Protein backbone atom coordinates (compact mmCIF):
# COMPACT_ATOMS: atom_id res chain seq x y z
CA MET A 1 -252.35 102.61 9.21
CA ILE A 2 -249.06 101.80 10.87
CA ALA A 3 -248.71 101.02 14.56
CA ASP A 4 -245.67 100.67 16.77
CA LEU A 5 -246.06 97.65 19.05
CA GLN A 6 -244.32 97.02 22.34
CA PRO A 7 -242.91 93.57 23.16
CA GLY A 8 -245.06 91.24 25.24
CA PRO A 9 -246.91 87.92 25.23
CA THR A 10 -250.02 89.23 23.44
CA THR A 11 -247.95 91.07 20.84
CA ASP A 12 -246.03 87.84 20.19
CA LYS A 13 -249.31 85.96 19.68
CA LEU A 14 -250.61 88.70 17.39
CA LEU A 15 -247.50 88.66 15.21
CA ALA A 16 -247.68 84.86 14.95
CA THR A 17 -251.29 85.18 13.72
CA LEU A 18 -250.56 87.66 10.94
CA PRO A 19 -251.43 88.23 8.20
CA CYS A 20 -255.17 87.92 8.62
CA VAL A 21 -258.39 89.43 7.31
CA SER A 22 -261.35 90.39 9.50
CA SER A 23 -264.54 92.46 9.43
CA VAL A 24 -264.68 95.87 11.07
CA SER A 25 -267.09 96.67 13.88
CA THR A 26 -267.53 100.09 15.44
CA TRP A 27 -268.50 101.10 18.96
CA GLY A 28 -268.72 104.85 19.37
CA GLU A 29 -265.33 106.23 18.36
CA GLU A 30 -263.62 102.84 18.41
CA VAL A 31 -262.95 100.31 15.68
CA TYR A 32 -262.52 96.68 16.63
CA PHE A 33 -262.21 93.42 14.75
CA GLU A 34 -261.94 89.79 15.78
CA LEU A 35 -258.70 87.90 15.27
CA PRO A 36 -258.12 84.13 15.24
CA MET A 37 -256.20 84.18 18.53
CA SER A 38 -256.73 84.32 22.25
CA ALA A 39 -254.68 85.77 25.09
CA ALA A 40 -254.79 86.10 28.85
CA LEU A 41 -255.31 89.47 30.50
CA GLU A 42 -251.87 90.91 31.28
CA ALA A 43 -250.84 92.73 34.46
CA GLY A 44 -250.78 96.15 32.73
CA ALA A 45 -254.24 95.84 31.15
CA GLN A 46 -256.23 99.10 31.02
CA GLN A 47 -259.80 100.16 30.35
CA VAL A 48 -259.13 103.88 29.80
CA VAL A 49 -256.40 104.60 27.25
CA PRO A 50 -255.12 107.53 25.16
CA PRO A 51 -256.53 107.93 21.63
CA GLY A 52 -254.74 105.72 19.12
CA THR A 53 -253.75 103.01 21.58
CA VAL A 54 -253.61 99.52 20.05
CA CYS A 55 -255.41 97.18 22.44
CA PHE A 56 -256.31 93.51 22.50
CA TRP A 57 -259.76 92.90 23.95
CA VAL A 58 -259.34 89.51 25.63
CA GLU A 59 -263.08 88.90 26.16
CA GLY A 60 -263.84 89.45 22.47
CA SER A 61 -260.61 88.10 20.93
CA ALA A 62 -260.34 91.37 19.04
CA LEU A 63 -258.01 94.26 18.35
CA ALA A 64 -259.57 97.49 19.60
CA LEU A 65 -258.47 100.85 18.21
CA PRO A 66 -260.11 103.77 20.02
CA TRP A 67 -259.73 107.37 18.89
CA GLY A 68 -262.40 109.03 21.04
CA ARG A 69 -265.49 108.48 23.15
CA THR A 70 -267.31 105.16 23.41
CA PRO A 71 -270.86 104.70 24.75
CA ILE A 72 -269.49 104.22 28.30
CA SER A 73 -266.92 107.05 28.28
CA LYS A 74 -266.90 109.67 30.98
CA ALA A 75 -266.02 113.15 29.70
CA ASN A 76 -263.70 112.87 26.67
CA GLU A 77 -261.87 109.66 27.56
CA CYS A 78 -261.39 106.54 25.43
CA ARG A 79 -263.05 103.93 27.65
CA LEU A 80 -262.99 100.37 26.35
CA ALA A 81 -265.72 97.81 27.09
CA SER A 82 -263.45 96.19 29.68
CA ALA A 83 -259.75 96.11 30.55
CA CYS A 84 -257.61 95.28 27.50
CA ASN A 85 -253.99 94.39 26.91
CA VAL A 86 -252.14 97.46 25.65
CA LEU A 87 -249.99 96.54 22.63
CA GLY A 88 -248.78 99.87 21.29
CA GLN A 89 -249.73 103.10 19.56
CA ILE A 90 -250.97 104.07 16.09
CA ARG A 91 -248.66 106.43 14.22
CA GLY A 92 -250.28 109.68 13.16
CA ASP A 93 -253.84 110.85 13.68
CA PRO A 94 -256.05 107.95 14.82
CA SER A 95 -259.24 109.87 14.00
CA VAL A 96 -258.88 108.68 10.37
CA LEU A 97 -260.53 105.52 11.73
CA LYS A 98 -263.85 107.38 11.78
CA SER A 99 -264.22 106.55 8.07
CA ALA A 100 -264.39 102.79 8.87
CA ARG A 101 -267.81 101.19 8.48
CA ASN A 102 -269.30 98.09 10.08
CA GLY A 103 -268.70 95.01 7.94
CA GLU A 104 -265.82 96.43 5.91
CA LYS A 105 -262.93 94.03 5.45
CA ILE A 106 -259.60 94.87 7.05
CA ARG A 107 -256.23 93.19 6.47
CA VAL A 108 -253.75 93.19 9.35
CA GLU A 109 -250.14 92.38 8.58
CA ALA A 110 -246.66 92.84 9.98
CA ALA A 111 -244.26 95.15 8.21
């Protein structure tokens, strides 16, 4: 997948961490994976985001990529476990993430 990231402190930290390999975890219709970085919660952090939003979950030190409902969603929203820093948007249809399985390895790199 390719994502377009917006400038910001967490994006800068992410790019400085790449490339890296992690293990996939799923939570409803969200994929997340831990990264070897930490960040502070930014002013524009959100808990409910559009499908395909690239988020950094501060509490879990993980990238979170929702494409649909999570166990705490109301109606058809993408509701994250807690407020996350919004980093950008996945290009194309984010529902391709539904093929990801817990424990699979994922490589994250900058283009």
